[in-house]
């Protein structure tokens, strides 16, 4: 089974991105309440993916991600939009730091103002050095799961 072991941190306002980053648009297929997984369609620049993620168990969960044709992703996103589904829009920056690549997401749209850094680890016990620009850890807070930001966007938290 493919596993994702990921920790999330808020990004301090003092951090400034370098470069263009990658523009990401992603939507989630509707599911029944309590479903044991989420299904995401993501378009990032000229690449597209279908991803199935299991429920979190600590900072670990099952993850299956498959590349799909851009036209398929665009059609799926269009279908979701026609059925009233919202999307996550963000720009992602890959930031190397002390032997790890951090993924820093700067959200747009209804999640404007939210900045989250993620680090993927090989085990939950793996140690890493946290950059100065990484603030409070939010790994266990479901509000920060992208799938939840669809229905409870950051703009409503204030």
Protein backbone atom coordinates (compact mmCIF):
# COMPACT_ATOMS: atom_id res chain seq x y z
CA UNK A 1 0.00 0.00 0.00
CA UNK A 2 1.22 3.49 -0.83
CA UNK A 3 1.49 5.65 2.28
CA UNK A 4 1.80 9.39 2.67
CA UNK A 5 3.47 10.57 5.88
CA UNK A 6 3.10 14.31 5.98
CA UNK A 7 3.36 17.10 8.53
CA UNK A 8 1.85 20.56 8.01
CA UNK A 9 2.89 23.93 9.39
CA UNK A 10 1.56 27.43 8.96
CA UNK A 11 3.95 29.72 7.10
CA UNK A 12 4.98 32.94 8.79
CA UNK A 13 4.04 36.18 7.03
CA UNK A 14 7.71 37.17 6.78
CA UNK A 15 8.40 34.37 4.25
CA UNK A 16 8.48 35.47 0.62
CA UNK A 17 8.35 33.01 -2.28
CA UNK A 18 11.07 32.80 -4.90
CA UNK A 19 10.23 32.08 -8.51
CA UNK A 20 6.88 31.45 -10.15
CA UNK A 21 5.84 28.30 -8.30
CA UNK A 22 3.25 25.96 -9.77
CA UNK A 23 -0.37 27.01 -10.22
CA UNK A 24 -2.69 24.28 -8.91
CA UNK A 25 -6.43 23.84 -9.35
CA UNK A 26 -8.01 20.84 -7.67
CA UNK A 27 -11.49 19.55 -7.06
CA UNK A 28 -12.94 16.68 -5.07
CA UNK A 29 -15.46 14.14 -6.29
CA UNK A 30 -18.59 14.14 -4.11
CA UNK A 31 -18.77 11.30 -1.63
CA UNK A 32 -21.07 9.97 1.03
CA UNK A 33 -20.63 11.30 4.54
CA UNK A 34 -18.18 9.13 6.47
CA UNK A 35 -16.55 7.68 3.35
CA UNK A 36 -13.14 6.18 4.17
CA UNK A 37 -11.39 8.11 1.37
CA UNK A 38 -11.40 11.25 -0.79
CA UNK A 39 -10.92 11.39 -4.55
CA UNK A 40 -9.18 14.45 -5.93
CA UNK A 41 -8.58 15.71 -9.47
CA UNK A 42 -5.60 18.06 -9.68
CA UNK A 43 -4.24 20.14 -12.50
CA UNK A 44 -0.79 21.61 -11.96
CA UNK A 45 0.62 23.58 -14.87
CA UNK A 46 0.69 21.07 -17.75
CA UNK A 47 0.25 17.94 -15.61
CA UNK A 48 -2.84 16.31 -14.15
CA UNK A 49 -3.47 13.64 -11.52
CA UNK A 50 -6.23 11.58 -9.99
CA UNK A 51 -5.56 10.90 -6.33
CA UNK A 52 -7.33 8.70 -3.78
CA UNK A 53 -6.47 9.40 -0.15
CA UNK A 54 -7.54 7.43 2.90
CA UNK A 55 -8.40 8.85 6.30
CA UNK A 56 -5.59 10.21 8.41
CA UNK A 57 -4.13 8.00 11.10
CA UNK A 58 -1.92 10.50 12.89
CA UNK A 59 0.19 12.00 10.10
CA UNK A 60 -0.04 8.86 7.93
CA UNK A 61 -2.65 7.85 5.38
CA UNK A 62 -3.02 5.70 2.29
CA UNK A 63 -2.42 7.59 -0.94
CA UNK A 64 -2.75 6.44 -4.53
CA UNK A 65 -1.90 9.03 -7.19
CA UNK A 66 -2.03 8.48 -10.94
CA UNK A 67 -1.17 10.78 -13.84
CA UNK A 68 -4.10 11.38 -16.19
CA UNK A 69 -4.37 13.26 -19.50
CA UNK A 70 -4.90 17.02 -19.17
CA UNK A 71 -8.07 16.79 -21.23
CA UNK A 72 -9.52 14.26 -18.76
CA UNK A 73 -8.69 16.49 -15.81
CA UNK A 74 -10.24 19.51 -17.51
CA UNK A 75 -13.41 17.56 -18.30
CA UNK A 76 -13.68 16.23 -14.74
CA UNK A 77 -13.18 19.71 -13.28
CA UNK A 78 -15.80 21.08 -15.68
CA UNK A 79 -18.27 18.38 -14.58
CA UNK A 80 -17.62 19.22 -10.93
CA UNK A 81 -18.14 22.92 -11.64
CA UNK A 82 -21.44 22.22 -13.46
CA UNK A 83 -22.64 20.36 -10.36
CA UNK A 84 -21.81 23.30 -8.10
CA UNK A 85 -18.60 21.95 -6.63
CA UNK A 86 -15.90 24.39 -5.53
CA UNK A 87 -12.18 24.18 -6.19
CA UNK A 88 -8.97 24.78 -4.33
CA UNK A 89 -6.72 27.31 -6.07
CA UNK A 90 -3.16 27.74 -4.87
CA UNK A 91 0.40 28.34 -5.96
CA UNK A 92 2.95 25.78 -4.77
CA UNK A 93 6.62 26.44 -4.18
CA UNK A 94 9.20 23.69 -3.62
CA UNK A 95 11.65 24.90 -0.97
CA UNK A 96 14.74 22.74 -0.26
CA UNK A 97 15.82 22.91 3.38
CA UNK A 98 18.24 20.71 5.33
CA UNK A 99 17.87 17.63 3.13
CA UNK A 100 14.08 17.83 2.61
CA UNK A 101 11.88 19.48 0.02
CA UNK A 102 9.13 21.51 1.66
CA UNK A 103 5.98 22.21 -0.35
CA UNK A 104 4.70 25.68 0.47
CA UNK A 105 1.16 26.43 -0.68
CA UNK A 106 -0.11 30.00 -1.01
CA UNK A 107 -3.88 29.74 -1.32
CA UNK A 108 -6.11 31.97 -3.45
CA UNK A 109 -9.84 32.52 -3.86
CA UNK A 110 -11.89 31.81 -0.74
CA UNK A 111 -8.75 30.53 1.00
CA UNK A 112 -6.73 33.69 0.30
CA UNK A 113 -4.39 34.49 3.18
CA UNK A 114 -3.76 30.85 4.10
CA UNK A 115 -0.15 29.72 3.73
CA UNK A 116 0.76 26.14 4.61
CA UNK A 117 4.05 24.24 4.36
CA UNK A 118 4.12 20.45 4.12
CA UNK A 119 6.98 18.03 4.54
CA UNK A 120 6.75 14.40 3.49
CA UNK A 121 8.65 11.93 5.62
CA UNK A 122 9.71 8.30 5.23
CA UNK A 123 8.38 7.42 8.72
CA UNK A 124 6.49 9.15 11.52
CA UNK A 125 9.66 8.91 13.63
CA UNK A 126 11.89 10.61 11.03
CA UNK A 127 13.54 13.73 12.40
CA UNK A 128 13.86 16.96 10.44
CA UNK A 129 14.89 20.54 11.01
CA UNK A 130 12.06 23.05 10.84
CA UNK A 131 12.88 26.26 8.94
CA UNK A 132 12.53 29.59 10.76
CA UNK A 133 9.65 30.55 8.44
CA UNK A 134 7.59 27.50 9.47
CA UNK A 135 5.26 28.37 12.34
CA UNK A 136 2.61 26.44 14.26
CA UNK A 137 2.12 22.79 13.37
CA UNK A 138 -1.40 22.05 12.11
CA UNK A 139 -0.96 18.42 11.01
CA UNK A 140 -3.79 17.12 13.20
CA UNK A 141 -6.24 19.97 12.58
CA UNK A 142 -8.81 18.85 9.96
CA UNK A 143 -9.65 22.46 9.06
CA UNK A 144 -6.37 22.56 7.13
CA UNK A 145 -7.08 19.46 5.01
CA UNK A 146 -7.57 20.62 1.43
CA UNK A 147 -10.69 18.45 1.12
CA UNK A 148 -12.22 20.35 4.07
CA UNK A 149 -11.19 23.78 2.76
CA UNK A 150 -13.67 23.23 -0.07
CA UNK A 151 -16.71 23.38 2.24
CA UNK A 152 -15.21 25.46 5.05
CA UNK A 153 -12.88 27.95 3.35
CA UNK A 154 -10.40 30.07 5.27
CA UNK A 155 -12.40 33.28 4.61
CA UNK A 156 -15.17 31.95 6.90
CA UNK A 157 -12.87 31.30 9.86
CA UNK A 158 -12.47 34.93 10.85
